[in-house]
Amino acid sequence: MTGISTNSRSLSIIVPVFNEIDLIADFITHLEIALKHPQEVIIVDGGSTDGTWEWLQSQNPYSSFQTQKGRANQMNYGASKATLSCLYFVHVDSRLPQDFDEIILSHLTKGKTAGCFRLKFDVANGILKFAASGSKWNTLLCRGGDQTLFVTKKVFDRLKGFDPNYIICEDIQFIKKLYQKTDFTVLPHFVTTSSRKFYKNGVLRLLFHFGMIHFLHGLGVKPNVLHKYYRAHIY
């Protein structure tokens, strides 16, 4: 068997946060309900100014750290603090499948080393449902951080983690390396994510701009150019 051995504590869950005081308490409650077994949870704050860091210090039951802003920096730092054999990266506005830890670990024992769940939105019109349906396809074009990401720590370290030069697309850049070096898998269960940004920006408008960012990234456009495009078109 080429995978890891499964037990009740084999997953290090890493959650980057920045100014999430309105979401963090509900996320912690959801996480505790969705877990099948107790797991290592590491929350990494990127310098919040809205009280998130203070809340984490006073009420968070899990390990919390503060580092420089940027999801790549935060997730890399969380990975450096992880003590278990598999890393699982999660956004704070995600809602995870019930018993997600057991689902992931069962696939790892079958020799899988990296993968994600499929995606759906919490509030979705027909266009968003159609867009989310593409997450079932096992191709880089259909990947994104909202689907969460699991990877063995051994593979993560070998690929040198997330590239901090990417303020956006840090997840796509790393998953691109995973597609090149691993047998990436898409699990049939769903992660539910917030659609708030789509309705704020306009559904079709945001889908277009996200598509453009994927396209530009695929062309090899530099990280700072991708960030400038994001700042110019998405809010």
Protein backbone atom coordinates (compact mmCIF):
# COMPACT_ATOMS: atom_id res chain seq x y z
CA MET A 1 0.00 0.00 0.00
CA THR A 2 1.41 3.37 -0.99
CA GLY A 3 -0.85 5.67 1.01
CA ILE A 4 -0.68 6.75 4.64
CA SER A 5 -2.03 4.78 7.56
CA THR A 6 -5.39 6.09 8.70
CA ASN A 7 -6.14 6.75 12.37
CA SER A 8 -8.23 9.18 14.39
CA ARG A 9 -5.60 11.96 14.11
CA SER A 10 -3.89 12.03 10.75
CA LEU A 11 -5.08 15.33 9.29
CA SER A 12 -3.66 18.81 9.84
CA ILE A 13 -6.39 21.27 8.85
CA ILE A 14 -4.94 24.66 7.90
CA VAL A 15 -7.22 27.70 7.72
CA PRO A 16 -5.86 31.09 6.55
CA VAL A 17 -7.93 34.05 7.80
CA PHE A 18 -7.88 37.81 7.35
CA ASN A 19 -10.54 40.11 8.84
CA GLU A 20 -13.08 37.31 9.28
CA ILE A 21 -14.66 38.28 12.60
CA ASP A 22 -18.16 37.82 11.13
CA LEU A 23 -17.43 34.25 10.00
CA ILE A 24 -14.85 32.71 12.30
CA ALA A 25 -17.08 31.60 15.19
CA ASP A 26 -19.63 29.94 12.89
CA PHE A 27 -16.82 28.25 10.98
CA ILE A 28 -15.34 26.75 14.16
CA THR A 29 -18.77 25.44 15.16
CA HIS A 30 -19.30 23.96 11.69
CA LEU A 31 -15.84 22.36 11.71
CA GLU A 32 -16.48 20.61 15.01
CA ILE A 33 -19.80 19.22 13.73
CA ALA A 34 -18.41 18.10 10.35
CA LEU A 35 -15.40 16.24 11.76
CA LYS A 36 -15.69 12.49 12.31
CA HIS A 37 -12.69 12.42 14.67
CA PRO A 38 -10.63 15.09 16.46
CA GLN A 39 -7.92 16.44 14.15
CA GLU A 40 -5.14 18.98 14.34
CA VAL A 41 -6.51 22.42 13.39
CA ILE A 42 -4.16 25.32 12.66
CA ILE A 43 -5.57 28.80 12.01
CA VAL A 44 -3.17 31.36 10.56
CA ASP A 45 -4.13 35.03 10.70
CA GLY A 46 -2.62 37.44 8.18
CA GLY A 47 -2.67 40.55 10.35
CA SER A 48 -6.40 41.13 10.84
CA THR A 49 -7.55 44.55 12.06
CA ASP A 50 -11.21 43.75 12.79
CA GLY A 51 -10.79 41.71 15.99
CA THR A 52 -10.27 38.29 14.36
CA TRP A 53 -6.85 37.81 15.92
CA GLU A 54 -8.08 38.85 19.36
CA TRP A 55 -10.99 36.41 19.06
CA LEU A 56 -8.64 33.61 18.07
CA GLN A 57 -6.46 34.27 21.10
CA SER A 58 -9.32 34.36 23.56
CA GLN A 59 -11.93 31.90 22.27
CA ASN A 60 -10.42 29.65 19.60
CA PRO A 61 -9.94 26.08 20.94
CA TYR A 62 -7.29 25.28 18.32
CA SER A 63 -3.74 26.39 17.54
CA SER A 64 -3.56 29.88 16.07
CA PHE A 65 -0.65 31.88 14.70
CA GLN A 66 -0.15 35.26 13.08
CA THR A 67 2.13 35.88 10.13
CA GLN A 68 2.45 38.31 7.23
CA LYS A 69 -0.56 38.85 4.99
CA GLY A 70 -1.06 36.68 1.92
CA ARG A 71 -2.68 33.27 1.70
CA ALA A 72 0.48 31.65 0.31
CA ASN A 73 2.50 32.92 3.29
CA GLN A 74 -0.22 31.93 5.74
CA MET A 75 -0.72 28.43 4.35
CA ASN A 76 3.01 27.78 4.12
CA TYR A 77 3.39 28.88 7.73
CA GLY A 78 0.54 26.65 8.80
CA ALA A 79 2.12 23.72 6.98
CA SER A 80 5.41 24.36 8.79
CA LYS A 81 3.58 24.02 12.11
CA ALA A 82 1.68 20.87 11.12
CA THR A 83 2.69 17.66 12.88
CA LEU A 84 0.57 15.13 10.98
CA SER A 85 1.05 13.31 7.69
CA CYS A 86 -1.62 15.01 5.56
CA LEU A 87 -2.38 18.72 5.09
CA TYR A 88 -5.88 19.98 4.35
CA PHE A 89 -6.26 23.63 3.30
CA VAL A 90 -9.68 25.20 3.90
CA HIS A 91 -11.19 28.68 3.43
CA VAL A 92 -13.17 30.08 6.34
CA ASP A 93 -16.33 30.59 4.23
CA SER A 94 -16.39 26.93 3.18
CA ARG A 95 -18.87 24.37 4.46
CA LEU A 96 -17.41 20.88 4.38
CA PRO A 97 -19.02 17.48 3.78
CA GLN A 98 -20.00 15.57 6.90
CA ASP A 99 -17.15 13.32 8.09
CA PHE A 100 -14.82 14.96 5.56
CA ASP A 101 -11.75 13.85 7.49
CA GLU A 102 -12.67 10.19 7.22
CA ILE A 103 -13.44 10.62 3.50
CA ILE A 104 -10.03 12.15 2.82
CA LEU A 105 -8.10 9.66 4.91
CA SER A 106 -9.84 6.70 3.25
CA HIS A 107 -8.64 7.92 -0.15
CA LEU A 108 -5.13 8.48 1.11
CA THR A 109 -4.92 4.84 2.23
CA LYS A 110 -5.65 3.88 -1.38
CA GLY A 111 -2.47 5.56 -2.55
CA LYS A 112 -3.81 9.01 -3.41
CA THR A 113 -1.55 11.89 -2.40
CA ALA A 114 -3.50 15.01 -3.42
CA GLY A 115 -7.00 16.09 -4.34
CA CYS A 116 -10.06 18.18 -3.60
CA PHE A 117 -13.86 18.02 -3.34
CA ARG A 118 -16.41 19.16 -5.86
CA LEU A 119 -17.99 22.61 -5.44
CA LYS A 120 -21.43 24.11 -5.03
CA PHE A 121 -22.60 27.58 -3.97
CA ASP A 122 -24.76 28.36 -0.96
CA VAL A 123 -27.06 30.62 -3.02
CA ALA A 124 -27.00 29.85 -6.72
CA ASN A 125 -28.95 30.79 -9.80
CA GLY A 126 -28.85 28.61 -12.91
CA ILE A 127 -25.63 30.18 -14.16
CA LEU A 128 -23.74 29.55 -10.92
CA LYS A 129 -25.07 25.98 -10.72
CA PHE A 130 -23.81 25.36 -14.24
CA ALA A 131 -20.43 26.92 -13.45
CA ALA A 132 -20.05 24.84 -10.29
CA SER A 133 -20.95 21.65 -12.13
CA GLY A 134 -17.61 21.89 -13.94
CA SER A 135 -15.82 21.12 -10.69
CA LYS A 136 -16.47 17.42 -11.31
CA TRP A 137 -13.97 17.44 -14.18
CA ASN A 138 -10.42 16.47 -13.23
CA THR A 139 -8.61 19.24 -15.08
CA LEU A 140 -6.62 22.26 -13.90
CA LEU A 141 -9.05 24.64 -15.63
CA CYS A 142 -11.76 23.55 -13.17
CA ARG A 143 -9.71 23.91 -10.00
CA GLY A 144 -9.66 26.60 -7.33
CA GLY A 145 -9.03 27.10 -3.64
CA ASP A 146 -12.74 27.17 -2.77
CA GLN A 147 -12.85 23.41 -3.41
CA THR A 148 -10.35 22.97 -0.54
CA LEU A 149 -7.18 20.95 -1.04
CA PHE A 150 -5.61 17.92 0.61
CA VAL A 151 -2.05 16.81 0.03
CA THR A 152 0.40 14.66 1.94
CA LYS A 153 2.99 16.66 3.83
CA LYS A 154 5.73 14.73 2.06
CA VAL A 155 4.50 15.88 -1.37
CA PHE A 156 3.85 19.43 -0.15
CA ASP A 157 7.40 19.75 1.15
CA ARG A 158 8.88 18.19 -2.00
CA LEU A 159 7.06 20.74 -4.17
CA LYS A 160 8.11 23.59 -1.82
CA GLY A 161 4.56 24.64 -1.00
CA PHE A 162 2.75 27.73 -2.24
CA ASP A 163 4.65 30.42 -4.13
CA PRO A 164 4.41 33.66 -2.05
CA ASN A 165 4.92 35.72 -5.20
CA TYR A 166 1.30 34.93 -6.06
CA ILE A 167 -1.05 37.24 -4.15
CA ILE A 168 -3.85 35.60 -6.13
CA CYS A 169 -3.76 32.25 -7.97
CA GLU A 170 -1.44 30.83 -5.32
CA ASP A 171 -3.72 27.80 -5.12
CA ILE A 172 -3.93 27.33 -8.90
CA GLN A 173 -0.14 27.62 -9.22
CA PHE A 174 0.43 24.95 -6.58
CA ILE A 175 -2.30 22.66 -7.93
CA LYS A 176 -0.66 22.98 -11.36
CA LYS A 177 2.47 21.44 -9.84
CA LEU A 178 0.35 18.72 -8.25
CA TYR A 179 -1.17 17.83 -11.62
CA GLN A 180 2.33 17.53 -13.05
CA LYS A 181 3.76 15.44 -10.22
CA THR A 182 0.86 13.46 -8.67
CA ASP A 183 -2.26 11.51 -9.49
CA PHE A 184 -4.65 14.30 -8.50
CA THR A 185 -8.15 13.16 -7.54
CA VAL A 186 -11.52 14.92 -7.36
CA LEU A 187 -13.75 13.43 -4.68
CA PRO A 188 -17.50 13.16 -5.45
CA HIS A 189 -18.59 14.94 -2.26
CA PHE A 190 -19.34 18.67 -2.19
CA VAL A 191 -17.85 21.68 -0.45
CA THR A 192 -20.34 24.55 -0.24
CA THR A 193 -18.87 28.02 -0.61
CA SER A 194 -20.26 31.53 -0.36
CA SER A 195 -21.56 33.18 -3.54
CA ARG A 196 -21.47 36.65 -1.95
CA LYS A 197 -18.65 37.91 -4.19
CA PHE A 198 -20.52 36.85 -7.34
CA TYR A 199 -23.67 38.77 -6.47
CA LYS A 200 -21.62 41.75 -5.33
CA ASN A 201 -19.67 41.90 -8.61
CA GLY A 202 -22.36 40.51 -10.92
CA VAL A 203 -22.46 36.79 -11.70
CA LEU A 204 -21.61 36.87 -15.40
CA ARG A 205 -19.12 39.69 -14.93
CA LEU A 206 -17.20 37.84 -12.22
CA LEU A 207 -17.25 34.53 -14.07
CA PHE A 208 -15.74 36.32 -17.06
CA HIS A 209 -12.97 37.92 -15.03
CA PHE A 210 -12.16 34.71 -13.15
CA GLY A 211 -12.02 32.96 -16.52
CA MET A 212 -9.62 35.61 -17.78
CA ILE A 213 -7.40 35.16 -14.73
CA HIS A 214 -7.29 31.39 -15.35
CA PHE A 215 -6.48 32.05 -19.02
CA LEU A 216 -3.73 34.55 -18.22
CA HIS A 217 -2.25 32.24 -15.60
CA GLY A 218 -2.22 29.44 -18.16
CA LEU A 219 -0.28 31.71 -20.53
CA GLY A 220 2.36 32.19 -17.84
CA VAL A 221 1.57 35.82 -17.04
CA LYS A 222 3.62 37.06 -14.07
CA PRO A 223 2.04 37.05 -10.58
CA ASN A 224 2.09 40.86 -10.22
CA VAL A 225 0.21 41.27 -13.50
CA LEU A 226 -2.46 38.82 -12.35
CA HIS A 227 -2.82 40.78 -9.13
CA LYS A 228 -3.16 44.08 -10.99
CA TYR A 229 -5.88 42.56 -13.19
CA TYR A 230 -7.73 41.31 -10.10
CA ARG A 231 -7.56 44.69 -8.35
CA ALA A 232 -8.76 46.49 -11.48
CA HIS A 233 -11.81 44.30 -12.10
CA ILE A 234 -12.88 42.55 -8.88
CA TYR A 235 -13.96 44.02 -5.55
